[in-house]
């Protein structure tokens, strides 16, 4: 298994060698399962097992890798009540609210094609 580096601002990431923060966040969020994990944790803190179940039973090794990436990126933390979003993670999810609204409009528009 190949270890991947967590996309972070100032690091070269997939699609960009400049280290520009927006490219790093797109790389991080574009990795399989990361958005699903953030979405599930935006509802409530979850234990590892509960998070795994909510993510359609993804393998423990993949979940472990994704949790590590999102923790390294300061978007989630492990607490006594399980994994939960940090303030930065919550801020990201709130920032995505307009995109969710746009996606609903897009869905309606595509349904009319």
N, C-alpha and C. Protein backbone atom coordinates (compact mmCIF):
# COMPACT_ATOMS: atom_id res chain seq x y z
N UNK A 1 0.85 -1.18 0.00
CA UNK A 1 0.00 0.00 0.00
C UNK A 1 0.88 1.24 0.00
N UNK A 2 0.57 2.19 -0.85
CA UNK A 2 1.33 3.41 -0.96
C UNK A 2 0.79 4.45 0.01
N UNK A 3 1.67 5.04 0.79
CA UNK A 3 1.26 6.12 1.69
C UNK A 3 1.18 7.41 0.88
N UNK A 4 0.11 8.15 1.10
CA UNK A 4 -0.05 9.42 0.42
C UNK A 4 0.17 10.55 1.40
N UNK A 5 0.65 11.64 0.88
CA UNK A 5 0.86 12.84 1.68
C UNK A 5 -0.43 13.63 1.74
N UNK A 6 -0.73 14.15 2.90
CA UNK A 6 -1.93 14.97 3.06
C UNK A 6 -1.77 16.27 2.29
N UNK A 7 -2.72 16.61 1.43
CA UNK A 7 -2.66 17.90 0.75
C UNK A 7 -2.81 19.04 1.77
N UNK A 8 -1.88 19.94 1.78
CA UNK A 8 -1.90 21.09 2.67
C UNK A 8 -1.41 22.32 1.90
N UNK A 9 -1.85 23.52 2.32
CA UNK A 9 -1.34 24.73 1.66
C UNK A 9 0.18 24.76 1.73
N UNK A 10 0.78 25.29 0.72
CA UNK A 10 2.22 25.45 0.51
C UNK A 10 2.90 24.17 0.03
N UNK A 11 2.18 23.05 -0.04
CA UNK A 11 2.75 21.81 -0.59
C UNK A 11 2.27 21.63 -2.03
N UNK A 12 3.12 21.05 -2.84
CA UNK A 12 2.67 20.66 -4.17
C UNK A 12 1.59 19.59 -4.01
N UNK A 13 0.54 19.68 -4.81
CA UNK A 13 -0.57 18.73 -4.75
C UNK A 13 -0.91 18.26 -6.15
N UNK A 14 -1.81 17.28 -6.22
CA UNK A 14 -2.23 16.81 -7.55
C UNK A 14 -2.80 17.98 -8.33
N UNK A 15 -2.29 18.20 -9.52
CA UNK A 15 -2.79 19.26 -10.38
C UNK A 15 -2.13 20.61 -10.19
N UNK A 16 -1.25 20.75 -9.19
CA UNK A 16 -0.62 22.04 -8.94
C UNK A 16 0.67 21.86 -8.16
N UNK A 17 1.72 22.45 -8.67
CA UNK A 17 3.00 22.41 -7.94
C UNK A 17 3.22 23.68 -7.15
N UNK A 18 2.26 24.62 -7.23
CA UNK A 18 2.46 25.93 -6.62
C UNK A 18 2.21 25.96 -5.11
N UNK A 19 1.43 25.01 -4.60
CA UNK A 19 1.10 25.04 -3.18
C UNK A 19 0.02 26.03 -2.82
N UNK A 20 -0.72 26.52 -3.80
CA UNK A 20 -1.80 27.46 -3.55
C UNK A 20 -2.88 26.73 -2.74
N UNK A 21 -3.38 27.38 -1.69
CA UNK A 21 -4.30 26.75 -0.75
C UNK A 21 -5.56 26.19 -1.42
N UNK A 22 -6.14 26.91 -2.37
CA UNK A 22 -7.37 26.43 -3.00
C UNK A 22 -7.14 25.12 -3.73
N UNK A 23 -5.97 24.96 -4.34
CA UNK A 23 -5.66 23.71 -5.03
C UNK A 23 -5.48 22.57 -4.02
N UNK A 24 -4.90 22.88 -2.88
CA UNK A 24 -4.73 21.87 -1.84
C UNK A 24 -6.09 21.40 -1.31
N UNK A 25 -7.00 22.34 -1.10
CA UNK A 25 -8.32 21.95 -0.58
C UNK A 25 -9.09 21.15 -1.62
N UNK A 26 -8.98 21.50 -2.89
CA UNK A 26 -9.64 20.71 -3.93
C UNK A 26 -9.07 19.29 -3.98
N UNK A 27 -7.76 19.18 -3.85
CA UNK A 27 -7.13 17.86 -3.83
C UNK A 27 -7.62 17.06 -2.62
N UNK A 28 -7.61 17.67 -1.45
CA UNK A 28 -8.04 16.98 -0.23
C UNK A 28 -9.49 16.54 -0.32
N UNK A 29 -10.38 17.44 -0.72
CA UNK A 29 -11.80 17.12 -0.78
C UNK A 29 -12.14 16.18 -1.92
N UNK A 30 -11.29 16.15 -2.94
CA UNK A 30 -11.54 15.28 -4.08
C UNK A 30 -11.10 13.84 -3.85
N UNK A 31 -10.43 13.58 -2.77
CA UNK A 31 -10.01 12.21 -2.48
C UNK A 31 -11.21 11.39 -2.01
N UNK A 32 -11.28 10.18 -2.52
CA UNK A 32 -12.42 9.31 -2.23
C UNK A 32 -12.67 9.22 -0.73
N UNK A 33 -13.91 9.38 -0.36
CA UNK A 33 -14.44 9.27 1.00
C UNK A 33 -14.28 10.52 1.86
N UNK A 34 -13.37 11.43 1.54
CA UNK A 34 -13.15 12.57 2.44
C UNK A 34 -14.40 13.42 2.62
N UNK A 35 -15.10 13.74 1.54
CA UNK A 35 -16.31 14.55 1.68
C UNK A 35 -17.39 13.78 2.43
N UNK A 36 -17.50 12.50 2.20
CA UNK A 36 -18.50 11.70 2.92
C UNK A 36 -18.22 11.71 4.42
N UNK A 37 -16.96 11.56 4.79
CA UNK A 37 -16.59 11.60 6.21
C UNK A 37 -16.95 12.95 6.81
N UNK A 38 -16.59 14.02 6.13
CA UNK A 38 -16.92 15.36 6.63
C UNK A 38 -18.42 15.54 6.75
N UNK A 39 -19.16 15.07 5.77
CA UNK A 39 -20.62 15.20 5.80
C UNK A 39 -21.19 14.46 7.01
N UNK A 40 -20.76 13.23 7.22
CA UNK A 40 -21.29 12.44 8.34
C UNK A 40 -20.94 13.09 9.68
N UNK A 41 -19.74 13.63 9.78
CA UNK A 41 -19.33 14.24 11.05
C UNK A 41 -19.95 15.63 11.23
N UNK A 42 -20.48 16.21 10.18
CA UNK A 42 -21.14 17.51 10.33
C UNK A 42 -22.47 17.35 11.07
N UNK A 43 -22.98 16.14 11.13
CA UNK A 43 -24.23 15.86 11.81
C UNK A 43 -24.02 15.66 13.31
N UNK A 44 -22.93 14.95 13.68
CA UNK A 44 -22.65 14.63 15.08
C UNK A 44 -21.31 13.92 15.18
N UNK A 45 -20.68 13.92 16.35
CA UNK A 45 -19.46 13.14 16.54
C UNK A 45 -19.79 11.65 16.41
N UNK A 46 -18.85 10.88 15.89
CA UNK A 46 -19.07 9.45 15.70
C UNK A 46 -17.83 8.66 16.10
N UNK A 47 -18.04 7.48 16.63
CA UNK A 47 -16.93 6.58 16.89
C UNK A 47 -16.40 6.05 15.56
N UNK A 48 -15.24 5.42 15.60
CA UNK A 48 -14.66 4.86 14.38
C UNK A 48 -15.64 3.89 13.73
N UNK A 49 -16.18 2.97 14.54
CA UNK A 49 -17.09 1.95 14.01
C UNK A 49 -18.36 2.58 13.44
N UNK A 50 -18.93 3.55 14.13
CA UNK A 50 -20.14 4.21 13.64
C UNK A 50 -19.86 4.97 12.35
N UNK A 51 -18.72 5.62 12.28
CA UNK A 51 -18.34 6.34 11.06
C UNK A 51 -18.15 5.36 9.91
N UNK A 52 -17.53 4.24 10.18
CA UNK A 52 -17.33 3.21 9.16
C UNK A 52 -18.68 2.71 8.64
N UNK A 53 -19.63 2.47 9.54
CA UNK A 53 -20.97 2.02 9.13
C UNK A 53 -21.69 3.08 8.30
N UNK A 54 -21.57 4.34 8.69
CA UNK A 54 -22.22 5.43 7.95
C UNK A 54 -21.61 5.59 6.56
N UNK A 55 -20.36 5.18 6.42
CA UNK A 55 -19.67 5.29 5.12
C UNK A 55 -19.72 3.97 4.37
N UNK A 56 -20.86 3.31 4.46
CA UNK A 56 -21.11 2.07 3.72
C UNK A 56 -20.08 0.99 3.99
N UNK A 57 -19.56 0.94 5.20
CA UNK A 57 -18.65 -0.12 5.59
C UNK A 57 -17.30 -0.11 4.88
N UNK A 58 -16.78 1.08 4.62
CA UNK A 58 -15.45 1.14 3.98
C UNK A 58 -14.44 0.39 4.84
N UNK A 59 -13.37 -0.04 4.25
CA UNK A 59 -12.40 -0.83 5.00
C UNK A 59 -11.77 0.01 6.11
N UNK A 60 -11.42 -0.64 7.22
CA UNK A 60 -10.81 0.09 8.33
C UNK A 60 -9.50 0.78 7.93
N UNK A 61 -8.73 0.17 7.04
CA UNK A 61 -7.45 0.78 6.66
C UNK A 61 -7.68 2.05 5.85
N UNK A 62 -8.68 2.06 4.97
CA UNK A 62 -8.98 3.26 4.20
C UNK A 62 -9.52 4.35 5.12
N UNK A 63 -10.44 3.99 6.01
CA UNK A 63 -10.98 4.97 6.94
C UNK A 63 -9.87 5.55 7.81
N UNK A 64 -9.00 4.71 8.28
CA UNK A 64 -7.87 5.17 9.10
C UNK A 64 -7.02 6.17 8.34
N UNK A 65 -6.74 5.88 7.07
CA UNK A 65 -5.93 6.78 6.23
C UNK A 65 -6.65 8.12 6.03
N UNK A 66 -7.95 8.07 5.74
CA UNK A 66 -8.70 9.30 5.50
C UNK A 66 -8.83 10.13 6.77
N UNK A 67 -9.06 9.48 7.91
CA UNK A 67 -9.15 10.20 9.19
C UNK A 67 -7.82 10.88 9.48
N UNK A 68 -6.72 10.19 9.19
CA UNK A 68 -5.40 10.78 9.41
C UNK A 68 -5.22 12.00 8.52
N UNK A 69 -5.59 11.91 7.24
CA UNK A 69 -5.47 13.05 6.33
C UNK A 69 -6.29 14.24 6.83
N UNK A 70 -7.52 13.99 7.19
CA UNK A 70 -8.40 15.07 7.63
C UNK A 70 -7.96 15.65 8.97
N UNK A 71 -7.36 14.82 9.81
CA UNK A 71 -6.79 15.30 11.08
C UNK A 71 -5.56 16.15 10.82
N UNK A 72 -4.68 15.67 9.93
CA UNK A 72 -3.47 16.43 9.57
C UNK A 72 -3.85 17.79 8.98
N UNK A 73 -4.97 17.83 8.27
CA UNK A 73 -5.44 19.08 7.66
C UNK A 73 -6.21 19.95 8.66
N UNK A 74 -6.30 19.50 9.89
CA UNK A 74 -6.96 20.25 10.99
C UNK A 74 -8.47 20.38 10.80
N UNK A 75 -9.08 19.42 10.08
CA UNK A 75 -10.51 19.48 9.84
C UNK A 75 -11.31 18.60 10.79
N UNK A 76 -10.65 17.58 11.38
CA UNK A 76 -11.33 16.78 12.38
C UNK A 76 -10.37 16.41 13.48
N UNK A 77 -10.97 16.04 14.61
CA UNK A 77 -10.18 15.67 15.79
C UNK A 77 -10.83 14.48 16.47
N UNK A 78 -10.03 13.73 17.19
CA UNK A 78 -10.51 12.62 17.98
C UNK A 78 -10.74 13.12 19.40
N UNK A 79 -11.94 12.88 19.92
CA UNK A 79 -12.28 13.31 21.27
C UNK A 79 -12.86 12.12 22.03
N UNK A 80 -13.19 12.33 23.28
CA UNK A 80 -13.79 11.28 24.10
C UNK A 80 -15.12 10.80 23.51
N UNK A 81 -15.83 11.67 22.80
CA UNK A 81 -17.12 11.28 22.21
C UNK A 81 -16.97 10.77 20.78
N UNK A 82 -15.76 10.62 20.30
CA UNK A 82 -15.51 10.10 18.96
C UNK A 82 -14.85 11.14 18.08
N UNK A 83 -14.90 10.93 16.79
CA UNK A 83 -14.35 11.90 15.85
C UNK A 83 -15.36 13.01 15.68
N UNK A 84 -14.86 14.24 15.60
CA UNK A 84 -15.74 15.37 15.35
C UNK A 84 -15.01 16.42 14.55
N UNK A 85 -15.77 17.26 13.87
CA UNK A 85 -15.18 18.34 13.10
C UNK A 85 -14.60 19.38 14.05
N UNK A 86 -13.48 19.95 13.65
CA UNK A 86 -12.90 21.07 14.37
C UNK A 86 -13.64 22.34 13.95
N UNK A 87 -13.30 23.45 14.56
CA UNK A 87 -13.91 24.72 14.14
C UNK A 87 -13.62 24.98 12.66
N UNK A 88 -12.40 24.64 12.23
CA UNK A 88 -12.04 24.82 10.83
C UNK A 88 -12.87 23.90 9.94
N UNK A 89 -13.09 22.67 10.38
CA UNK A 89 -13.93 21.74 9.62
C UNK A 89 -15.37 22.20 9.54
N UNK A 90 -15.91 22.70 10.65
CA UNK A 90 -17.27 23.24 10.64
C UNK A 90 -17.36 24.45 9.72
N UNK A 91 -16.34 25.30 9.76
CA UNK A 91 -16.30 26.46 8.88
C UNK A 91 -16.33 26.04 7.41
N UNK A 92 -15.57 25.00 7.08
CA UNK A 92 -15.56 24.49 5.71
C UNK A 92 -16.95 24.03 5.31
N UNK A 93 -17.61 23.27 6.17
CA UNK A 93 -18.94 22.76 5.83
C UNK A 93 -19.94 23.91 5.63
N UNK A 94 -19.85 24.94 6.45
CA UNK A 94 -20.73 26.11 6.28
C UNK A 94 -20.40 26.85 4.98
N UNK A 95 -19.13 26.90 4.64
CA UNK A 95 -18.70 27.54 3.40
C UNK A 95 -19.26 26.82 2.18
N UNK A 96 -19.47 25.51 2.31
CA UNK A 96 -20.00 24.73 1.19
C UNK A 96 -21.51 24.85 1.03
N UNK A 97 -22.21 25.47 1.98
CA UNK A 97 -23.67 25.61 1.89
C UNK A 97 -24.13 26.24 0.57
N UNK A 98 -23.53 27.34 0.11
CA UNK A 98 -23.96 27.90 -1.19
C UNK A 98 -23.74 26.93 -2.35
N UNK A 99 -22.71 26.12 -2.27
CA UNK A 99 -22.46 25.13 -3.33
C UNK A 99 -23.55 24.06 -3.32
N UNK A 100 -24.01 23.67 -2.12
CA UNK A 100 -25.11 22.71 -2.03
C UNK A 100 -26.38 23.30 -2.66
N UNK A 101 -26.64 24.58 -2.41
CA UNK A 101 -27.80 25.25 -3.01
C UNK A 101 -27.66 25.29 -4.53
N UNK A 102 -26.47 25.60 -5.00
CA UNK A 102 -26.23 25.62 -6.44
C UNK A 102 -26.45 24.23 -7.04
N UNK A 103 -25.98 23.20 -6.34
CA UNK A 103 -26.12 21.82 -6.84
C UNK A 103 -27.60 21.44 -6.96
N UNK A 104 -28.43 21.91 -6.03
CA UNK A 104 -29.87 21.64 -6.11
C UNK A 104 -30.46 22.31 -7.35
N UNK A 105 -30.04 23.54 -7.64
CA UNK A 105 -30.49 24.23 -8.86
C UNK A 105 -30.02 23.49 -10.10
N UNK A 106 -28.79 23.03 -10.06
CA UNK A 106 -28.20 22.29 -11.18
C UNK A 106 -28.99 21.01 -11.42
N UNK A 107 -29.33 20.33 -10.32
CA UNK A 107 -30.11 19.10 -10.43
C UNK A 107 -31.44 19.38 -11.11
N UNK A 108 -32.10 20.45 -10.73
CA UNK A 108 -33.39 20.82 -11.35
C UNK A 108 -33.19 21.12 -12.83
N UNK A 109 -32.14 21.86 -13.15
CA UNK A 109 -31.89 22.22 -14.54
C UNK A 109 -31.58 20.98 -15.38
N UNK A 110 -30.82 20.05 -14.84
CA UNK A 110 -30.47 18.84 -15.58
C UNK A 110 -31.69 17.94 -15.76
N UNK A 111 -32.61 18.01 -14.82
CA UNK A 111 -33.83 17.22 -14.93
C UNK A 111 -34.73 17.70 -16.05
N UNK A 112 -34.52 18.93 -16.51
CA UNK A 112 -35.34 19.52 -17.57
C UNK A 112 -34.74 19.32 -18.94
N UNK A 113 -33.59 18.66 -19.00
CA UNK A 113 -32.90 18.48 -20.29
C UNK A 113 -33.64 17.49 -21.16
